[in-house]
Amino acid sequence: MTNEKLNIGIILGSTRQGRVSPKVGEWVKGVANKRGDANYEIVDIADYKLPFFGTTDVTDPAIAAWNEKLSSLDGFVFIVQEYNHSITGALKNALDSAREAWNNKAAGIVSYGSTGGARAAEHLRGICAELLIADVKTHPTLSLFTDFENFTTFKPAELHLNNVNLMLDQVIAWSGALKTLRK
């Protein structure tokens, strides 16, 4: 393995108006950038304007751009919000709009919701398994009641920093190991 830094995408899992995922993603990126162990970037699925899965094919420019972006990454951190006990339709569509670009990569999950987004994260873990994404154990969970003022202004508790760093340790270790499979 070379000393080349890994490329980790922080994937925003919501596209809805008024979403807070960009704030959560920027917070995670800020924590990650202080580490200096990888190249971290925000990947906003809203920027790709993906068509609904199955309504077109891989030659669609949006799907091609999405797959190209995912292929350039060695691992992921999903910012996952819980809607109706699961992930958003936009995130599910983005996951389904690629296949091989996800394979043999690692991912961490940072979730939020009334129960910390735990149910959405569990659904995402099952999807990750099918896409050959190795999701790591440590899973920071943010509560709408304690980490958001008035449910919209993101103010994470200091205690989450340890979990975010531990999750990133695992994502980096696994992403590096899995990169050898993709060579």
N, C-alpha and C. Protein backbone atom coordinates (compact mmCIF):
# COMPACT_ATOMS: atom_id res chain seq x y z
N MET A 1 0.84 -1.18 0.00
CA MET A 1 0.00 0.00 0.00
C MET A 1 0.89 1.24 0.00
N THR A 2 0.51 2.24 -0.76
CA THR A 2 1.27 3.49 -0.82
C THR A 2 0.82 4.41 0.30
N ASN A 3 1.50 5.52 0.39
CA ASN A 3 1.12 6.52 1.39
C ASN A 3 0.01 7.45 0.88
N GLU A 4 -0.56 7.11 -0.25
CA GLU A 4 -1.62 7.92 -0.83
C GLU A 4 -2.84 7.92 0.10
N LYS A 5 -3.36 9.11 0.33
CA LYS A 5 -4.53 9.23 1.20
C LYS A 5 -5.77 8.65 0.53
N LEU A 6 -6.62 8.07 1.34
CA LEU A 6 -7.90 7.56 0.87
C LEU A 6 -8.85 8.72 0.62
N ASN A 7 -9.81 8.49 -0.26
CA ASN A 7 -10.85 9.48 -0.56
C ASN A 7 -12.16 8.98 0.05
N ILE A 8 -12.68 9.75 0.98
CA ILE A 8 -13.89 9.36 1.70
C ILE A 8 -14.99 10.38 1.40
N GLY A 9 -16.12 9.90 0.89
CA GLY A 9 -17.26 10.74 0.60
C GLY A 9 -18.24 10.76 1.76
N ILE A 10 -18.63 11.94 2.17
CA ILE A 10 -19.65 12.12 3.21
C ILE A 10 -20.96 12.36 2.46
N ILE A 11 -21.78 11.34 2.39
CA ILE A 11 -22.97 11.37 1.54
C ILE A 11 -24.18 11.89 2.31
N LEU A 12 -24.72 13.00 1.82
CA LEU A 12 -25.92 13.58 2.43
C LEU A 12 -27.13 12.81 1.93
N GLY A 13 -27.89 12.22 2.86
CA GLY A 13 -28.96 11.31 2.50
C GLY A 13 -30.34 11.92 2.34
N SER A 14 -30.43 13.23 2.26
CA SER A 14 -31.74 13.86 2.11
C SER A 14 -31.67 14.93 1.03
N THR A 15 -32.78 15.10 0.34
CA THR A 15 -32.86 16.16 -0.69
C THR A 15 -34.01 17.13 -0.40
N ARG A 16 -34.71 16.94 0.67
CA ARG A 16 -35.92 17.73 0.91
C ARG A 16 -35.59 19.17 1.30
N GLN A 17 -36.53 20.07 1.04
CA GLN A 17 -36.41 21.47 1.43
C GLN A 17 -36.29 21.56 2.95
N GLY A 18 -35.45 22.45 3.43
CA GLY A 18 -35.30 22.65 4.86
C GLY A 18 -34.51 21.56 5.57
N ARG A 19 -33.87 20.70 4.84
CA ARG A 19 -33.11 19.60 5.43
C ARG A 19 -31.96 20.13 6.29
N VAL A 20 -31.57 19.33 7.26
CA VAL A 20 -30.43 19.70 8.10
C VAL A 20 -29.21 18.84 7.81
N SER A 21 -29.33 17.91 6.89
CA SER A 21 -28.19 17.03 6.60
C SER A 21 -26.94 17.79 6.16
N PRO A 22 -27.05 18.92 5.43
CA PRO A 22 -25.81 19.65 5.12
C PRO A 22 -25.07 20.13 6.36
N LYS A 23 -25.81 20.53 7.39
CA LYS A 23 -25.17 20.98 8.63
C LYS A 23 -24.48 19.82 9.34
N VAL A 24 -25.15 18.68 9.38
CA VAL A 24 -24.56 17.50 10.01
C VAL A 24 -23.34 17.04 9.21
N GLY A 25 -23.47 17.03 7.90
CA GLY A 25 -22.35 16.63 7.04
C GLY A 25 -21.14 17.54 7.20
N GLU A 26 -21.36 18.84 7.27
CA GLU A 26 -20.25 19.79 7.44
C GLU A 26 -19.60 19.61 8.81
N TRP A 27 -20.40 19.30 9.82
CA TRP A 27 -19.85 19.05 11.15
C TRP A 27 -18.94 17.81 11.11
N VAL A 28 -19.42 16.72 10.51
CA VAL A 28 -18.61 15.51 10.39
C VAL A 28 -17.35 15.81 9.59
N LYS A 29 -17.47 16.55 8.50
CA LYS A 29 -16.31 16.90 7.67
C LYS A 29 -15.31 17.72 8.47
N GLY A 30 -15.79 18.64 9.29
CA GLY A 30 -14.91 19.44 10.13
C GLY A 30 -14.12 18.59 11.11
N VAL A 31 -14.80 17.63 11.73
CA VAL A 31 -14.13 16.70 12.64
C VAL A 31 -13.11 15.88 11.86
N ALA A 32 -13.52 15.38 10.70
CA ALA A 32 -12.66 14.52 9.88
C ALA A 32 -11.43 15.27 9.37
N ASN A 33 -11.62 16.49 8.91
CA ASN A 33 -10.49 17.25 8.35
C ASN A 33 -9.40 17.51 9.38
N LYS A 34 -9.75 17.62 10.65
CA LYS A 34 -8.76 17.83 11.71
C LYS A 34 -7.83 16.63 11.87
N ARG A 35 -8.27 15.48 11.40
CA ARG A 35 -7.50 14.25 11.54
C ARG A 35 -6.34 14.18 10.54
N GLY A 36 -6.56 14.68 9.33
CA GLY A 36 -5.52 14.66 8.31
C GLY A 36 -5.19 13.29 7.76
N ASP A 37 -6.04 12.29 7.99
CA ASP A 37 -5.72 10.93 7.56
C ASP A 37 -6.33 10.51 6.23
N ALA A 38 -7.16 11.37 5.64
CA ALA A 38 -7.81 11.05 4.37
C ALA A 38 -8.28 12.36 3.74
N ASN A 39 -8.70 12.25 2.49
CA ASN A 39 -9.34 13.37 1.81
C ASN A 39 -10.85 13.17 1.98
N TYR A 40 -11.48 14.10 2.66
CA TYR A 40 -12.92 14.01 2.92
C TYR A 40 -13.65 15.03 2.07
N GLU A 41 -14.78 14.64 1.51
CA GLU A 41 -15.58 15.58 0.74
C GLU A 41 -17.06 15.29 0.93
N ILE A 42 -17.84 16.36 0.89
CA ILE A 42 -19.29 16.23 0.93
C ILE A 42 -19.77 15.81 -0.45
N VAL A 43 -20.63 14.79 -0.48
CA VAL A 43 -21.25 14.34 -1.72
C VAL A 43 -22.76 14.46 -1.49
N ASP A 44 -23.35 15.45 -2.13
CA ASP A 44 -24.77 15.75 -1.93
C ASP A 44 -25.58 15.11 -3.06
N ILE A 45 -26.38 14.12 -2.73
CA ILE A 45 -27.14 13.44 -3.78
C ILE A 45 -28.11 14.39 -4.48
N ALA A 46 -28.47 15.48 -3.83
CA ALA A 46 -29.36 16.47 -4.46
C ALA A 46 -28.69 17.10 -5.68
N ASP A 47 -27.37 17.19 -5.69
CA ASP A 47 -26.65 17.78 -6.82
C ASP A 47 -26.72 16.94 -8.08
N TYR A 48 -27.07 15.66 -7.96
CA TYR A 48 -27.03 14.75 -9.10
C TYR A 48 -28.36 14.63 -9.83
N LYS A 49 -29.43 15.06 -9.20
CA LYS A 49 -30.76 15.02 -9.84
C LYS A 49 -31.02 13.66 -10.50
N LEU A 50 -30.84 12.62 -9.70
CA LEU A 50 -30.98 11.26 -10.21
C LEU A 50 -32.43 10.95 -10.58
N PRO A 51 -32.64 10.33 -11.73
CA PRO A 51 -34.00 9.89 -12.08
C PRO A 51 -34.38 8.71 -11.17
N PHE A 52 -35.67 8.43 -11.10
CA PHE A 52 -36.09 7.27 -10.31
C PHE A 52 -35.50 6.02 -10.92
N PHE A 53 -35.02 5.15 -10.06
CA PHE A 53 -34.41 3.91 -10.48
C PHE A 53 -35.38 3.13 -11.37
N GLY A 54 -34.87 2.65 -12.50
CA GLY A 54 -35.68 1.85 -13.40
C GLY A 54 -36.39 2.64 -14.48
N THR A 55 -36.36 3.98 -14.40
CA THR A 55 -37.04 4.77 -15.42
C THR A 55 -36.11 5.10 -16.60
N THR A 56 -34.84 4.80 -16.45
CA THR A 56 -33.85 5.03 -17.49
C THR A 56 -32.75 3.99 -17.30
N ASP A 57 -31.65 4.13 -18.01
CA ASP A 57 -30.57 3.16 -17.84
C ASP A 57 -29.26 3.87 -17.49
N VAL A 58 -28.18 3.11 -17.42
CA VAL A 58 -26.90 3.65 -16.97
C VAL A 58 -26.30 4.67 -17.93
N THR A 59 -26.87 4.80 -19.11
CA THR A 59 -26.36 5.82 -20.04
C THR A 59 -26.90 7.21 -19.71
N ASP A 60 -27.88 7.28 -18.80
CA ASP A 60 -28.39 8.58 -18.37
C ASP A 60 -27.24 9.39 -17.79
N PRO A 61 -27.07 10.66 -18.21
CA PRO A 61 -25.94 11.46 -17.73
C PRO A 61 -25.86 11.60 -16.21
N ALA A 62 -26.99 11.72 -15.54
CA ALA A 62 -26.99 11.86 -14.08
C ALA A 62 -26.49 10.58 -13.42
N ILE A 63 -26.95 9.44 -13.91
CA ILE A 63 -26.52 8.16 -13.35
C ILE A 63 -25.04 7.93 -13.64
N ALA A 64 -24.60 8.28 -14.84
CA ALA A 64 -23.18 8.14 -15.18
C ALA A 64 -22.31 9.01 -14.28
N ALA A 65 -22.73 10.25 -14.04
CA ALA A 65 -21.96 11.15 -13.16
C ALA A 65 -21.94 10.63 -11.74
N TRP A 66 -23.07 10.11 -11.27
CA TRP A 66 -23.16 9.55 -9.92
C TRP A 66 -22.20 8.37 -9.78
N ASN A 67 -22.22 7.46 -10.72
CA ASN A 67 -21.33 6.30 -10.68
C ASN A 67 -19.86 6.71 -10.76
N GLU A 68 -19.57 7.71 -11.55
CA GLU A 68 -18.19 8.20 -11.65
C GLU A 68 -17.73 8.76 -10.31
N LYS A 69 -18.58 9.53 -9.66
CA LYS A 69 -18.23 10.10 -8.35
C LYS A 69 -17.98 8.97 -7.34
N LEU A 70 -18.89 8.01 -7.28
CA LEU A 70 -18.74 6.91 -6.32
C LEU A 70 -17.48 6.09 -6.60
N SER A 71 -17.18 5.89 -7.87
CA SER A 71 -15.99 5.12 -8.25
C SER A 71 -14.70 5.81 -7.80
N SER A 72 -14.73 7.13 -7.67
CA SER A 72 -13.54 7.88 -7.26
C SER A 72 -13.29 7.82 -5.76
N LEU A 73 -14.22 7.23 -5.02
CA LEU A 73 -14.14 7.20 -3.56
C LEU A 73 -13.73 5.83 -3.05
N ASP A 74 -13.01 5.82 -1.94
CA ASP A 74 -12.57 4.58 -1.31
C ASP A 74 -13.47 4.14 -0.18
N GLY A 75 -14.28 5.05 0.33
CA GLY A 75 -15.17 4.74 1.43
C GLY A 75 -16.17 5.87 1.61
N PHE A 76 -17.08 5.65 2.55
CA PHE A 76 -18.20 6.58 2.71
C PHE A 76 -18.55 6.79 4.17
N VAL A 77 -19.15 7.93 4.44
CA VAL A 77 -19.87 8.17 5.68
C VAL A 77 -21.25 8.64 5.25
N PHE A 78 -22.26 7.87 5.59
CA PHE A 78 -23.62 8.23 5.25
C PHE A 78 -24.22 9.10 6.36
N ILE A 79 -24.77 10.24 5.98
CA ILE A 79 -25.54 11.08 6.90
C ILE A 79 -27.00 10.70 6.66
N VAL A 80 -27.57 10.02 7.64
CA VAL A 80 -28.87 9.37 7.46
C VAL A 80 -29.89 9.93 8.43
N GLN A 81 -30.98 10.41 7.88
CA GLN A 81 -32.09 10.87 8.68
C GLN A 81 -33.22 9.85 8.60
N GLU A 82 -33.94 9.72 9.70
CA GLU A 82 -34.99 8.72 9.74
C GLU A 82 -36.33 9.33 9.35
N TYR A 83 -36.95 8.74 8.33
CA TYR A 83 -38.30 9.09 7.91
C TYR A 83 -39.14 7.82 7.93
N ASN A 84 -40.22 7.83 8.67
CA ASN A 84 -41.10 6.67 8.73
C ASN A 84 -40.35 5.39 9.02
N HIS A 85 -39.43 5.45 9.99
CA HIS A 85 -38.66 4.30 10.46
C HIS A 85 -37.67 3.76 9.43
N SER A 86 -37.29 4.55 8.43
CA SER A 86 -36.36 4.08 7.42
C SER A 86 -35.55 5.23 6.84
N ILE A 87 -34.77 4.93 5.81
CA ILE A 87 -34.01 5.94 5.10
C ILE A 87 -34.92 6.70 4.15
N THR A 88 -34.44 7.80 3.63
CA THR A 88 -35.24 8.57 2.68
C THR A 88 -35.34 7.83 1.35
N GLY A 89 -36.38 8.13 0.60
CA GLY A 89 -36.51 7.58 -0.74
C GLY A 89 -35.38 8.04 -1.64
N ALA A 90 -34.92 9.28 -1.44
CA ALA A 90 -33.82 9.81 -2.25
C ALA A 90 -32.54 9.02 -2.03
N LEU A 91 -32.26 8.66 -0.78
CA LEU A 91 -31.06 7.87 -0.51
C LEU A 91 -31.20 6.46 -1.09
N LYS A 92 -32.36 5.86 -0.93
CA LYS A 92 -32.57 4.52 -1.49
C LYS A 92 -32.39 4.55 -3.00
N ASN A 93 -32.92 5.58 -3.64
CA ASN A 93 -32.77 5.71 -5.08
C ASN A 93 -31.30 5.87 -5.47
N ALA A 94 -30.56 6.67 -4.70
CA ALA A 94 -29.14 6.88 -4.98
C ALA A 94 -28.36 5.58 -4.79
N LEU A 95 -28.70 4.81 -3.77
CA LEU A 95 -28.05 3.52 -3.56
C LEU A 95 -28.32 2.58 -4.72
N ASP A 96 -29.58 2.54 -5.17
CA ASP A 96 -29.97 1.65 -6.26
C ASP A 96 -29.41 2.07 -7.61
N SER A 97 -29.06 3.35 -7.74
CA SER A 97 -28.60 3.88 -9.03
C SER A 97 -27.14 3.55 -9.33
N ALA A 98 -26.53 2.76 -8.49
CA ALA A 98 -25.15 2.30 -8.73
C ALA A 98 -25.08 0.86 -8.23
N ARG A 99 -24.09 0.16 -8.66
CA ARG A 99 -23.88 -1.21 -8.17
C ARG A 99 -22.40 -1.42 -7.88
N GLU A 100 -21.63 -1.66 -8.93
CA GLU A 100 -20.21 -1.95 -8.76
C GLU A 100 -19.45 -0.81 -8.10
N ALA A 101 -19.89 0.42 -8.30
CA ALA A 101 -19.20 1.57 -7.72
C ALA A 101 -19.23 1.54 -6.18
N TRP A 102 -20.16 0.82 -5.60
CA TRP A 102 -20.25 0.68 -4.15
C TRP A 102 -19.39 -0.48 -3.64
N ASN A 103 -19.16 -1.47 -4.48
CA ASN A 103 -18.60 -2.76 -4.05
C ASN A 103 -17.22 -2.65 -3.42
N ASN A 104 -17.03 -3.46 -2.37
CA ASN A 104 -15.74 -3.60 -1.68
C ASN A 104 -15.21 -2.28 -1.15
N LYS A 105 -16.10 -1.54 -0.54
CA LYS A 105 -15.74 -0.28 0.13
C LYS A 105 -16.37 -0.30 1.52
N ALA A 106 -15.86 0.54 2.39
CA ALA A 106 -16.37 0.60 3.76
C ALA A 106 -17.22 1.85 3.95
N ALA A 107 -18.08 1.79 4.94
CA ALA A 107 -18.94 2.94 5.24
C ALA A 107 -19.22 3.04 6.73
N GLY A 108 -19.29 4.27 7.18
CA GLY A 108 -19.77 4.59 8.50
C GLY A 108 -21.13 5.24 8.36
N ILE A 109 -21.88 5.25 9.42
CA ILE A 109 -23.22 5.84 9.41
C ILE A 109 -23.33 6.81 10.57
N VAL A 110 -23.75 8.04 10.28
CA VAL A 110 -24.12 9.02 11.29
C VAL A 110 -25.60 9.28 11.06
N SER A 111 -26.42 8.97 12.05
CA SER A 111 -27.86 9.10 11.84
C SER A 111 -28.48 10.05 12.86
N TYR A 112 -29.65 10.54 12.48
CA TYR A 112 -30.39 11.40 13.41
C TYR A 112 -31.88 11.22 13.22
N GLY A 113 -32.61 11.51 14.29
CA GLY A 113 -34.05 11.38 14.30
C GLY A 113 -34.53 11.35 15.74
N SER A 114 -35.82 11.03 15.92
CA SER A 114 -36.38 11.02 17.27
C SER A 114 -35.75 9.92 18.12
N THR A 115 -35.32 8.85 17.52
CA THR A 115 -34.61 7.78 18.24
C THR A 115 -33.17 7.70 17.75
N GLY A 116 -32.61 8.83 17.39
CA GLY A 116 -31.24 8.88 16.90
C GLY A 116 -31.08 8.33 15.49
N GLY A 117 -32.18 8.07 14.83
CA GLY A 117 -32.10 7.52 13.47
C GLY A 117 -31.71 6.06 13.44
N ALA A 118 -31.82 5.38 14.57
CA ALA A 118 -31.35 4.00 14.67
C ALA A 118 -32.07 3.06 13.70
N ARG A 119 -33.35 3.24 13.51
CA ARG A 119 -34.10 2.32 12.62
C ARG A 119 -33.69 2.54 11.18
N ALA A 120 -33.45 3.78 10.79
CA ALA A 120 -32.98 4.06 9.42
C ALA A 120 -31.60 3.45 9.21
N ALA A 121 -30.74 3.59 10.20
CA ALA A 121 -29.39 3.02 10.09
C ALA A 121 -29.45 1.50 9.93
N GLU A 122 -30.34 0.86 10.65
CA GLU A 122 -30.47 -0.60 10.52
C GLU A 122 -30.94 -0.99 9.13
N HIS A 123 -31.86 -0.24 8.57
CA HIS A 123 -32.29 -0.52 7.19
C HIS A 123 -31.13 -0.32 6.23
N LEU A 124 -30.37 0.74 6.44
CA LEU A 124 -29.22 1.02 5.56
C LEU A 124 -28.19 -0.10 5.65
N ARG A 125 -27.97 -0.66 6.82
CA ARG A 125 -27.00 -1.75 6.96
C ARG A 125 -27.36 -2.95 6.07
N GLY A 126 -28.64 -3.28 6.00
CA GLY A 126 -29.07 -4.39 5.14
C GLY A 126 -28.82 -4.11 3.67
N ILE A 127 -29.05 -2.87 3.27
CA ILE A 127 -28.80 -2.48 1.88
C ILE A 127 -27.30 -2.50 1.61
N CYS A 128 -26.52 -2.01 2.55
CA CYS A 128 -25.05 -2.03 2.38
C CYS A 128 -24.55 -3.45 2.16
N ALA A 129 -25.07 -4.40 2.91
CA ALA A 129 -24.63 -5.79 2.75
C ALA A 129 -24.87 -6.26 1.32
N GLU A 130 -26.01 -5.94 0.77
CA GLU A 130 -26.34 -6.36 -0.60
C GLU A 130 -25.42 -5.71 -1.62
N LEU A 131 -24.98 -4.49 -1.35
CA LEU A 131 -24.11 -3.75 -2.28
C LEU A 131 -22.62 -3.99 -2.01
N LEU A 132 -22.31 -4.94 -1.13
CA LEU A 132 -20.92 -5.26 -0.76
C LEU A 132 -20.19 -4.07 -0.16
N ILE A 133 -20.94 -3.30 0.63
CA ILE A 133 -20.35 -2.22 1.42
C ILE A 133 -20.21 -2.75 2.84
N ALA A 134 -19.00 -2.69 3.37
CA ALA A 134 -18.75 -3.15 4.73
C ALA A 134 -19.01 -1.99 5.68
N ASP A 135 -20.14 -2.05 6.38
CA ASP A 135 -20.44 -0.96 7.32
C ASP A 135 -19.77 -1.24 8.65
N VAL A 136 -19.20 -0.19 9.23
CA VAL A 136 -18.45 -0.35 10.48
C VAL A 136 -19.39 -0.32 11.68
N LYS A 137 -18.88 -0.80 12.80
CA LYS A 137 -19.71 -0.95 13.99
C LYS A 137 -20.11 0.37 14.64
N THR A 138 -19.13 1.25 14.85
CA THR A 138 -19.43 2.48 15.59
C THR A 138 -20.36 3.37 14.79
N HIS A 139 -21.39 3.83 15.46
CA HIS A 139 -22.49 4.51 14.78
C HIS A 139 -22.97 5.68 15.63
N PRO A 140 -22.46 6.89 15.37
CA PRO A 140 -22.94 8.06 16.11
C PRO A 140 -24.42 8.31 15.82
N THR A 141 -25.21 8.47 16.86
CA THR A 141 -26.64 8.74 16.73
C THR A 141 -26.95 10.09 17.36
N LEU A 142 -27.63 10.91 16.60
CA LEU A 142 -27.96 12.27 17.04
C LEU A 142 -29.47 12.35 17.27
N SER A 143 -29.84 12.92 18.39
CA SER A 143 -31.25 13.03 18.74
C SER A 143 -31.82 14.38 18.34
N LEU A 144 -32.99 14.34 17.73
CA LEU A 144 -33.69 15.59 17.42
C LEU A 144 -34.00 16.38 18.69
N PHE A 145 -34.11 15.70 19.83
CA PHE A 145 -34.49 16.35 21.08
C PHE A 145 -33.32 17.00 21.81
N THR A 146 -32.12 16.44 21.67
CA THR A 146 -30.99 16.96 22.45
C THR A 146 -29.87 17.56 21.60
N ASP A 147 -29.82 17.24 20.31
CA ASP A 147 -28.74 17.73 19.45
C ASP A 147 -29.21 18.77 18.44
N PHE A 148 -30.49 19.10 18.49
CA PHE A 148 -31.06 20.11 17.60
C PHE A 148 -31.94 21.05 18.43
N GLU A 149 -31.70 22.33 18.31
CA GLU A 149 -32.55 23.30 18.98
C GLU A 149 -33.78 23.53 18.11
N ASN A 150 -34.95 23.41 18.70
CA ASN A 150 -36.22 23.54 17.97
C ASN A 150 -36.29 22.58 16.77
N PHE A 151 -35.62 21.45 16.88
CA PHE A 151 -35.61 20.38 15.87
C PHE A 151 -34.95 20.78 14.55
N THR A 152 -34.37 21.97 14.46
CA THR A 152 -33.79 22.41 13.19
C THR A 152 -32.36 22.95 13.30
N THR A 153 -32.03 23.60 14.40
CA THR A 153 -30.71 24.19 14.55
C THR A 153 -29.78 23.15 15.17
N PHE A 154 -28.80 22.71 14.39
CA PHE A 154 -27.91 21.63 14.81
C PHE A 154 -26.90 22.12 15.83
N LYS A 155 -26.95 21.52 17.02
CA LYS A 155 -26.03 21.84 18.12
C LYS A 155 -25.64 20.52 18.78
N PRO A 156 -24.69 19.79 18.16
CA PRO A 156 -24.35 18.47 18.68
C PRO A 156 -23.68 18.52 20.05
N ALA A 157 -24.02 17.57 20.86
CA ALA A 157 -23.38 17.44 22.17
C ALA A 157 -21.93 17.03 21.98
N GLU A 158 -21.08 17.52 22.85
CA GLU A 158 -19.65 17.25 22.80
C GLU A 158 -19.35 15.74 22.82
N LEU A 159 -20.18 14.98 23.49
CA LEU A 159 -19.94 13.55 23.64
C LEU A 159 -19.89 12.80 22.31
N HIS A 160 -20.46 13.36 21.25
CA HIS A 160 -20.48 12.68 19.95
C HIS A 160 -19.12 12.67 19.26
N LEU A 161 -18.24 13.57 19.65
CA LEU A 161 -16.93 13.66 18.99
C LEU A 161 -16.15 12.35 19.11
N ASN A 162 -16.18 11.71 20.26
CA ASN A 162 -15.48 10.44 20.42
C ASN A 162 -16.01 9.38 19.47
N ASN A 163 -17.33 9.29 19.36
CA ASN A 163 -17.93 8.29 18.47
C ASN A 163 -17.63 8.59 17.00
N VAL A 164 -17.67 9.85 16.62
CA VAL A 164 -17.36 10.20 15.23
C VAL A 164 -15.92 9.82 14.91
N ASN A 165 -15.00 10.13 15.81
CA ASN A 165 -13.59 9.78 15.57
C ASN A 165 -13.36 8.28 15.56
N LEU A 166 -14.02 7.55 16.43
CA LEU A 166 -13.89 6.10 16.44
C LEU A 166 -14.46 5.51 15.14
N MET A 167 -15.61 6.02 14.71
CA MET A 167 -16.20 5.56 13.46
C MET A 167 -15.24 5.83 12.30
N LEU A 168 -14.65 7.04 12.26
CA LEU A 168 -13.72 7.37 11.19
C LEU A 168 -12.48 6.49 11.24
N ASP A 169 -11.98 6.16 12.44
CA ASP A 169 -10.87 5.21 12.55
C ASP A 169 -11.21 3.90 11.85
N GLN A 170 -12.42 3.41 12.09
CA GLN A 170 -12.85 2.15 11.50
C GLN A 170 -13.04 2.27 9.99
N VAL A 171 -13.65 3.37 9.54
CA VAL A 171 -13.84 3.57 8.10
C VAL A 171 -12.50 3.62 7.38
N ILE A 172 -11.53 4.32 7.94
CA ILE A 172 -10.21 4.43 7.31
C ILE A 172 -9.52 3.06 7.27
N ALA A 173 -9.53 2.34 8.38
CA ALA A 173 -8.89 1.03 8.43
C ALA A 173 -9.51 0.07 7.41
N TRP A 174 -10.82 0.01 7.41
CA TRP A 174 -11.51 -0.92 6.50
C TRP A 174 -11.39 -0.47 5.05
N SER A 175 -11.47 0.82 4.81
CA SER A 175 -11.36 1.32 3.43
C SER A 175 -9.97 1.00 2.86
N GLY A 176 -8.95 1.16 3.68
CA GLY A 176 -7.60 0.83 3.24
C GLY A 176 -7.46 -0.65 2.93
N ALA A 177 -8.01 -1.48 3.80
CA ALA A 177 -7.92 -2.93 3.58
C ALA A 177 -8.70 -3.34 2.34
N LEU A 178 -9.90 -2.80 2.17
CA LEU A 178 -10.73 -3.18 1.02
C LEU A 178 -10.18 -2.65 -0.30
N LYS A 179 -9.41 -1.59 -0.25
CA LYS A 179 -8.83 -1.05 -1.48
C LYS A 179 -7.94 -2.10 -2.15
N THR A 180 -7.32 -2.95 -1.35
CA THR A 180 -6.46 -4.00 -1.93
C THR A 180 -7.28 -4.99 -2.76
N LEU A 181 -8.55 -5.19 -2.42
CA LEU A 181 -9.42 -6.07 -3.20
C LEU A 181 -9.79 -5.48 -4.56
N ARG A 182 -9.81 -4.16 -4.64
CA ARG A 182 -10.24 -3.50 -5.88
C ARG A 182 -9.11 -3.30 -6.86
N LYS A 183 -7.88 -3.59 -6.48
CA LYS A 183 -6.73 -3.36 -7.38
C LYS A 183 -6.61 -4.46 -8.41
